Amino acid sequence: MPEQTCLFVTHQARLKCLFNEVMNPNRLQDLIPYRFMNGCVLRLTVVMDRMVLSLVDNGDIEESKPGYIFYVKPDVNESEINYTTPRQRPNESYRIITFREIIIDTPSSIKKYMNPELKIVYYLIRHGQGTHNVTSGASKRYNQLFGDMDAELTTPGISQAETVGDKLVELLQGTPVNYIFVSDLIRTQQTAATLYKRLSNQNVNIITKKLVVIPCSHELTYSRQGCDGNQWSTPKENMARCVNITDCQRMVYDVPVDWSLYDVFYNGTRRRSHTDNKCRTTNMIVSSIAYMYSDEQPKSVTPPSIVYPIEDLGETTQQALIQNNPGVYLGGYIRKQKRKTKRKRKTKRKRKTRQRT
């Protein structure tokens, strides 16, 4: 079976959203997504009839994270985990939990763009440590409100990205890399560009020569009630730098960045969107497969335009969200309707009172 291999550098909440919205479509209560370490690598294998998700590298945590719970590979002993140095007391150091392999039927929203004879292997990578990861408490909250936009990688974060590149050489085992996907935030692009150079230096066959920005893969506030449908504010570190698509950075560490699909989805950027497309109706895996589908069409034939109809691409996500909390999924529409009804009742009461007087 022919195979396409993709690297996808993304964020903490996006990995948890993927876990909860795609890999857990029935919203089972015992499948609660915990946290993933910086530079972790998950392997997602997609074929026409099933999807398999497994954690193949733990990643690393340089900063202190008391009380946090992070995923590790099966059969990993606690002594093998690189805790913050000097090691904290047990009740203050982060804890670990084993990530078990998940196998599910491929959602119909993904099948639409799947070649029945093709296997797609994703290596989903959380970006390296960012400047926002090393703050906590009041300073973190202050930076979220008034700090710099679009947090970059720290020096340890760049080292983590280089380490991931070395580990990917072992995981790929000579398999060529067809695509490299990133979000619109610079820390994923810096991580991916570092991976690109690291793999190239070790003679890995990288077919693509660019990083492709995928819409709806940016960092956000995770919510089990529906990730993109439950966002009220965006911290500064998660705001893309470019407002106009023409101002978006086209080169990162001398590696080209392709914003074409991102521009199609938003008709601009998510900070200045001119479209009705919403992230809550799709997910980053569907968008990346749609991109591969259009990219593989014969160049002599005009490839089909990539659209994101609610009834198609977001089917799995919608079913999960509507089943559990339709009010949240509809962006508060139900609540707004109730408020309007209450206002009408109050207005009628005032009119009746005036008429009586």
Protein backbone atom coordinates (compact mmCIF):
# COMPACT_ATOMS: atom_id res chain seq x y z
CA MET A 1 0.00 0.00 0.00
CA PRO A 2 1.47 3.41 -0.97
CA GLU A 3 2.19 5.67 1.99
CA GLN A 4 2.37 9.41 2.62
CA THR A 5 4.34 10.62 5.64
CA CYS A 6 3.57 13.99 7.21
CA LEU A 7 5.10 15.95 10.06
CA PHE A 8 2.57 18.16 11.85
CA VAL A 9 3.87 20.58 14.48
CA THR A 10 1.02 21.77 16.67
CA HIS A 11 0.04 22.70 20.23
CA GLN A 12 -0.95 21.24 23.58
CA ALA A 13 -4.66 21.98 23.33
CA ARG A 14 -4.88 20.87 19.69
CA LEU A 15 -3.54 17.44 20.61
CA LYS A 16 -6.11 17.24 23.41
CA CYS A 17 -8.86 18.42 21.05
CA LEU A 18 -7.88 15.77 18.51
CA PHE A 19 -7.99 13.16 21.25
CA ASN A 20 -11.39 14.25 22.53
CA GLU A 21 -13.20 15.20 19.32
CA VAL A 22 -11.83 12.75 16.75
CA MET A 23 -10.26 9.81 18.56
CA ASN A 24 -13.02 9.80 21.18
CA PRO A 25 -16.16 10.54 19.11
CA ASN A 26 -18.50 8.95 21.66
CA ARG A 27 -17.14 11.22 24.42
CA LEU A 28 -16.39 8.36 26.79
CA GLN A 29 -15.96 9.73 30.28
CA ASP A 30 -12.97 7.55 31.12
CA LEU A 31 -10.98 8.95 28.19
CA ILE A 32 -9.88 12.25 29.70
CA PRO A 33 -7.02 13.91 27.79
CA TYR A 34 -4.13 14.88 30.04
CA ARG A 35 -1.08 16.89 28.98
CA PHE A 36 1.66 16.28 26.43
CA MET A 37 5.27 17.30 26.97
CA ASN A 38 7.15 19.76 24.75
CA GLY A 39 8.59 17.95 21.75
CA CYS A 40 6.45 14.85 22.22
CA VAL A 41 5.72 12.78 19.12
CA LEU A 42 2.45 10.96 18.44
CA ARG A 43 2.00 8.72 15.42
CA LEU A 44 -1.42 8.81 13.74
CA THR A 45 -1.93 6.22 11.02
CA VAL A 46 -4.94 6.80 8.76
CA VAL A 47 -6.32 4.33 6.24
CA MET A 48 -9.76 4.14 4.67
CA ASP A 49 -11.37 2.06 7.40
CA ARG A 50 -9.48 2.86 10.59
CA MET A 51 -7.22 5.28 12.47
CA VAL A 52 -4.55 4.37 15.03
CA LEU A 53 -3.04 6.88 17.46
CA SER A 54 -0.03 6.08 19.65
CA LEU A 55 2.59 8.02 21.60
CA VAL A 56 6.05 7.16 20.26
CA ASP A 57 8.19 9.70 22.13
CA ASN A 58 7.53 11.36 25.47
CA GLY A 59 9.16 14.70 24.80
CA ASP A 60 10.66 16.77 27.59
CA ILE A 61 9.69 19.29 30.26
CA GLU A 62 12.38 21.79 31.26
CA GLU A 63 10.23 24.02 33.46
CA SER A 64 8.57 23.25 36.80
CA LYS A 65 4.99 21.95 36.49
CA PRO A 66 3.75 21.04 39.99
CA GLY A 67 0.53 19.05 39.99
CA TYR A 68 0.46 18.53 36.20
CA ILE A 69 -0.10 15.07 34.70
CA PHE A 70 1.76 14.22 31.48
CA TYR A 71 1.42 11.29 29.10
CA VAL A 72 4.28 8.83 28.62
CA LYS A 73 4.74 5.79 26.42
CA PRO A 74 3.60 2.38 27.69
CA ASP A 75 6.00 0.56 29.99
CA VAL A 76 7.96 3.69 30.87
CA ASN A 77 9.27 3.75 34.44
CA GLU A 78 9.08 6.93 36.46
CA SER A 79 12.87 6.90 36.84
CA GLU A 80 13.25 7.28 33.06
CA ILE A 81 11.43 10.61 33.00
CA ASN A 82 13.55 13.77 33.03
CA TYR A 83 12.09 15.72 35.94
CA THR A 84 12.94 19.33 36.58
CA THR A 85 16.39 19.65 38.14
CA PRO A 86 16.83 19.78 41.09
CA ARG A 87 14.00 17.29 41.52
CA GLN A 88 11.12 18.57 43.58
CA ARG A 89 9.34 16.78 46.40
CA PRO A 90 6.97 14.05 45.12
CA ASN A 91 3.87 16.05 45.94
CA GLU A 92 5.17 19.01 43.92
CA SER A 93 6.68 17.31 40.86
CA TYR A 94 4.59 16.52 37.81
CA ARG A 95 3.00 13.10 37.54
CA ILE A 96 2.84 10.72 34.59
CA ILE A 97 0.18 8.50 33.08
CA THR A 98 0.50 5.90 30.33
CA PHE A 99 -0.92 6.75 26.91
CA ARG A 100 -2.63 3.67 25.52
CA GLU A 101 -2.95 3.11 21.79
CA ILE A 102 -6.33 4.16 20.36
CA ILE A 103 -7.95 2.46 17.36
CA ILE A 104 -11.19 3.79 15.86
CA ASP A 105 -13.13 3.68 12.58
CA THR A 106 -12.15 6.47 10.21
CA PRO A 107 -14.77 9.27 10.38
CA SER A 108 -16.72 9.96 7.20
CA SER A 109 -15.42 13.54 7.17
CA ILE A 110 -11.91 12.18 6.61
CA LYS A 111 -12.95 9.38 4.24
CA LYS A 112 -14.17 11.99 1.76
CA TYR A 113 -10.60 12.91 0.85
CA MET A 114 -8.98 9.51 1.40
CA ASN A 115 -7.61 7.40 -1.42
CA PRO A 116 -8.82 3.84 -0.62
CA GLU A 117 -5.40 2.49 -1.51
CA LEU A 118 -3.38 5.11 0.39
CA LYS A 119 -2.03 5.11 3.95
CA ILE A 120 -1.22 8.43 5.64
CA VAL A 121 1.16 8.46 8.59
CA TYR A 122 1.24 11.63 10.69
CA TYR A 123 3.92 12.42 13.23
CA LEU A 124 2.14 14.92 15.46
CA ILE A 125 4.69 16.99 17.37
CA ARG A 126 4.13 19.49 20.12
CA HIS A 127 6.36 22.53 19.60
CA GLY A 128 9.44 23.13 21.74
CA GLN A 129 9.39 25.24 24.88
CA GLY A 130 8.10 28.76 24.21
CA THR A 131 8.69 31.97 26.12
CA HIS A 132 5.16 31.70 27.52
CA ASN A 133 5.84 28.24 28.98
CA VAL A 134 8.39 29.50 31.52
CA THR A 135 6.07 31.97 33.24
CA SER A 136 3.49 31.16 35.88
CA GLY A 137 1.08 32.74 38.31
CA ALA A 138 0.47 36.49 38.16
CA SER A 139 3.26 37.12 35.64
CA LYS A 140 1.77 34.58 33.24
CA ARG A 141 -1.65 36.17 33.52
CA TYR A 142 -0.15 39.63 32.96
CA ASN A 143 1.68 38.43 29.83
CA GLN A 144 -1.50 36.83 28.51
CA LEU A 145 -3.25 40.19 28.73
CA PHE A 146 -0.48 42.71 28.03
CA GLY A 147 2.59 40.75 26.89
CA ASP A 148 4.08 40.19 23.45
CA MET A 149 2.02 38.46 20.79
CA ASP A 150 2.93 35.11 19.25
CA ALA A 151 5.42 33.58 21.70
CA GLU A 152 8.68 32.33 20.20
CA LEU A 153 10.88 29.38 21.12
CA THR A 154 13.34 29.71 23.96
CA THR A 155 16.93 28.46 23.67
CA PRO A 156 15.95 25.18 25.41
CA GLY A 157 12.97 25.02 23.04
CA ILE A 158 15.27 25.07 20.02
CA SER A 159 17.37 22.32 21.62
CA GLN A 160 14.20 20.27 22.15
CA ALA A 161 13.33 20.68 18.46
CA GLU A 162 16.81 19.47 17.48
CA THR A 163 16.40 16.45 19.76
CA VAL A 164 13.04 15.67 18.15
CA GLY A 165 14.75 15.78 14.76
CA ASP A 166 17.28 13.17 15.89
CA LYS A 167 14.49 10.94 17.21
CA LEU A 168 12.50 11.29 14.00
CA VAL A 169 15.46 9.95 12.05
CA GLU A 170 15.09 6.72 14.04
CA LEU A 171 11.28 6.67 13.77
CA LEU A 172 11.19 7.33 10.02
CA GLN A 173 13.69 4.55 9.25
CA GLY A 174 14.46 5.94 5.82
CA THR A 175 10.85 6.81 4.92
CA PRO A 176 10.66 10.08 2.95
CA VAL A 177 8.70 13.02 4.35
CA ASN A 178 5.99 14.24 1.95
CA TYR A 179 4.55 17.19 3.86
CA ILE A 180 5.33 19.38 6.88
CA PHE A 181 2.34 21.15 8.44
CA VAL A 182 2.33 23.96 11.02
CA SER A 183 -0.04 26.43 12.66
CA ASP A 184 -0.05 30.19 12.11
CA LEU A 185 1.95 30.71 15.33
CA ILE A 186 5.68 31.25 15.02
CA ARG A 187 6.74 28.66 17.63
CA THR A 188 5.40 25.80 15.50
CA GLN A 189 7.08 27.22 12.41
CA GLN A 190 10.40 27.61 14.24
CA THR A 191 10.14 24.04 15.53
CA ALA A 192 9.29 22.69 12.06
CA ALA A 193 12.06 24.67 10.36
CA THR A 194 14.55 23.30 12.92
CA LEU A 195 13.27 19.77 12.20
CA TYR A 196 13.56 20.39 8.46
CA LYS A 197 17.21 21.39 8.74
CA ARG A 198 18.05 18.63 11.23
CA LEU A 199 16.54 15.93 9.03
CA SER A 200 18.16 17.35 5.90
CA ASN A 201 21.57 17.29 7.56
CA GLN A 202 21.08 13.60 8.34
CA ASN A 203 20.19 12.74 4.75
CA VAL A 204 16.47 12.14 5.33
CA ASN A 205 14.57 12.43 2.05
CA ILE A 206 12.29 15.46 2.48
CA ILE A 207 10.17 15.72 -0.64
CA THR A 208 8.47 18.95 0.38
CA LYS A 209 10.50 22.14 0.37
CA LYS A 210 8.14 24.25 2.47
CA LEU A 211 6.05 24.46 5.63
CA VAL A 212 2.29 24.52 5.00
CA VAL A 213 0.14 26.54 7.42
CA ILE A 214 -3.06 24.67 8.26
CA PRO A 215 -6.13 26.61 9.48
CA CYS A 216 -7.66 25.72 12.85
CA SER A 217 -4.42 24.29 14.22
CA HIS A 218 -3.46 27.28 16.41
CA GLU A 219 -3.31 27.10 20.19
CA LEU A 220 -6.47 27.79 22.17
CA THR A 221 -8.08 27.25 25.54
CA TYR A 222 -9.02 23.59 25.78
CA SER A 223 -12.60 22.71 26.70
CA ARG A 224 -14.24 19.30 26.72
CA GLN A 225 -17.46 21.02 25.69
CA GLY A 226 -16.00 21.83 22.29
CA CYS A 227 -12.65 23.45 21.65
CA ASP A 228 -13.29 26.04 18.97
CA GLY A 229 -16.90 26.59 19.93
CA ASN A 230 -16.07 27.67 23.46
CA GLN A 231 -13.51 30.47 23.10
CA TRP A 232 -14.13 33.78 24.78
CA SER A 233 -10.71 35.45 24.72
CA THR A 234 -7.30 34.83 23.16
CA PRO A 235 -4.11 35.24 25.21
CA LYS A 236 -1.45 37.39 23.60
CA GLU A 237 0.94 34.45 23.11
CA ASN A 238 -1.70 32.72 20.95
CA MET A 239 -2.39 35.69 18.66
CA ALA A 240 -0.77 35.51 15.23
CA ARG A 241 1.42 38.45 14.36
CA CYS A 242 -0.01 39.16 10.93
CA VAL A 243 -3.38 40.85 10.56
CA ASN A 244 -3.23 41.00 6.75
CA ILE A 245 -2.24 37.84 4.86
CA THR A 246 0.29 39.82 2.83
CA ASP A 247 2.18 40.58 6.04
CA CYS A 248 2.52 36.97 7.19
CA GLN A 249 6.09 35.71 7.46
CA ARG A 250 7.09 33.80 4.33
CA MET A 251 10.48 32.51 5.51
CA VAL A 252 11.42 31.01 8.89
CA TYR A 253 15.05 30.01 9.42
CA ASP A 254 15.44 30.17 5.61
CA VAL A 255 12.61 27.65 5.08
CA PRO A 256 9.63 28.85 2.93
CA VAL A 257 6.17 29.03 4.54
CA ASP A 258 3.05 28.42 2.43
CA TRP A 259 -0.10 30.28 3.58
CA SER A 260 -2.33 29.37 0.61
CA LEU A 261 -4.73 26.95 2.35
CA TYR A 262 -4.90 29.19 5.40
CA ASP A 263 -5.84 32.11 3.16
CA VAL A 264 -8.52 30.03 1.39
CA PHE A 265 -10.15 29.14 4.70
CA TYR A 266 -10.14 32.59 6.32
CA ASN A 267 -10.06 34.68 3.14
CA GLY A 268 -7.30 36.53 4.95
CA THR A 269 -6.16 35.69 8.47
CA ARG A 270 -8.07 34.62 11.55
CA ARG A 271 -7.43 38.08 12.99
CA ARG A 272 -9.12 39.62 9.96
CA SER A 273 -11.42 36.99 8.52
CA HIS A 274 -13.75 37.68 5.60
CA THR A 275 -15.49 34.32 5.48
CA ASP A 276 -18.22 32.35 7.21
CA ASN A 277 -15.92 29.33 7.71
CA LYS A 278 -15.57 28.44 11.37
CA CYS A 279 -13.01 26.20 13.04
CA ARG A 280 -15.70 24.45 15.06
CA THR A 281 -16.96 22.87 11.83
CA THR A 282 -13.69 21.13 10.93
CA ASN A 283 -10.35 19.99 12.38
CA MET A 284 -6.69 20.17 11.42
CA ILE A 285 -6.45 16.56 10.20
CA VAL A 286 -9.35 17.01 7.78
CA SER A 287 -7.85 20.27 6.51
CA SER A 288 -4.41 18.73 5.95
CA ILE A 289 -5.88 15.74 4.06
CA ALA A 290 -7.94 18.13 1.94
CA TYR A 291 -4.72 19.97 1.11
CA MET A 292 -2.98 16.73 0.12
CA TYR A 293 -5.97 15.74 -2.00
CA SER A 294 -5.91 19.01 -3.95
CA ASP A 295 -2.12 18.94 -4.24
CA GLU A 296 -2.17 15.48 -5.81
CA GLN A 297 -4.59 16.39 -8.61
CA PRO A 298 -3.10 16.49 -12.15
CA LYS A 299 -1.73 19.93 -12.87
CA SER A 300 -3.38 19.87 -16.30
CA VAL A 301 -6.74 19.76 -14.58
CA THR A 302 -7.95 22.56 -12.35
CA PRO A 303 -7.99 21.07 -8.83
CA PRO A 304 -11.29 21.28 -6.95
CA SER A 305 -11.66 24.28 -4.72
CA ILE A 306 -11.29 23.44 -1.06
CA VAL A 307 -14.44 24.34 0.81
CA TYR A 308 -15.52 23.59 4.36
CA PRO A 309 -19.27 22.88 4.38
CA ILE A 310 -20.74 22.32 7.83
CA GLU A 311 -22.62 19.19 6.81
CA ASP A 312 -19.45 17.48 5.59
CA LEU A 313 -16.03 18.22 7.07
CA GLY A 314 -17.15 18.85 10.60
CA GLU A 315 -19.50 15.89 10.88
CA THR A 316 -17.65 14.01 13.62
CA THR A 317 -16.99 17.12 15.67
CA GLN A 318 -20.57 18.35 15.31
CA GLN A 319 -22.14 15.06 16.34
CA ALA A 320 -20.01 14.93 19.46
CA LEU A 321 -20.67 18.54 20.42
CA ILE A 322 -24.39 18.62 19.65
CA GLN A 323 -24.95 15.42 21.58
CA ASN A 324 -23.33 16.79 24.72
CA ASN A 325 -24.01 20.50 24.70
CA PRO A 326 -25.83 22.00 21.71
CA GLY A 327 -25.91 25.43 23.33
CA VAL A 328 -22.14 25.65 23.41
CA TYR A 329 -21.74 24.21 19.90
CA LEU A 330 -24.07 26.76 18.40
CA GLY A 331 -21.89 29.51 19.79
CA GLY A 332 -24.41 30.55 22.42
CA TYR A 333 -27.23 30.87 19.88
CA ILE A 334 -29.73 29.08 22.10
CA ARG A 335 -28.82 31.23 25.07
CA LYS A 336 -29.13 34.38 22.98
CA GLN A 337 -32.59 33.31 21.85
CA LYS A 338 -33.65 32.85 25.45
CA ARG A 339 -32.33 36.30 26.34
CA LYS A 340 -34.25 37.85 23.49
CA THR A 341 -37.40 36.06 24.65
CA LYS A 342 -36.93 37.42 28.17
CA ARG A 343 -36.42 40.93 26.82
CA LYS A 344 -39.62 40.65 24.76
CA ARG A 345 -41.54 39.52 27.86
CA LYS A 346 -40.17 42.44 29.87
CA THR A 347 -41.11 44.86 27.08
CA LYS A 348 -44.66 43.45 26.93
CA ARG A 349 -45.00 43.76 30.71
CA LYS A 350 -43.86 47.41 30.58
CA ARG A 351 -46.39 48.17 27.85
CA LYS A 352 -49.22 46.54 29.80
CA THR A 353 -48.24 48.49 32.91
CA ARG A 354 -48.26 51.77 30.96
CA GLN A 355 -51.65 50.97 29.48
CA ARG A 356 -53.11 50.28 32.93
CA THR A 357 -51.74 53.50 34.33
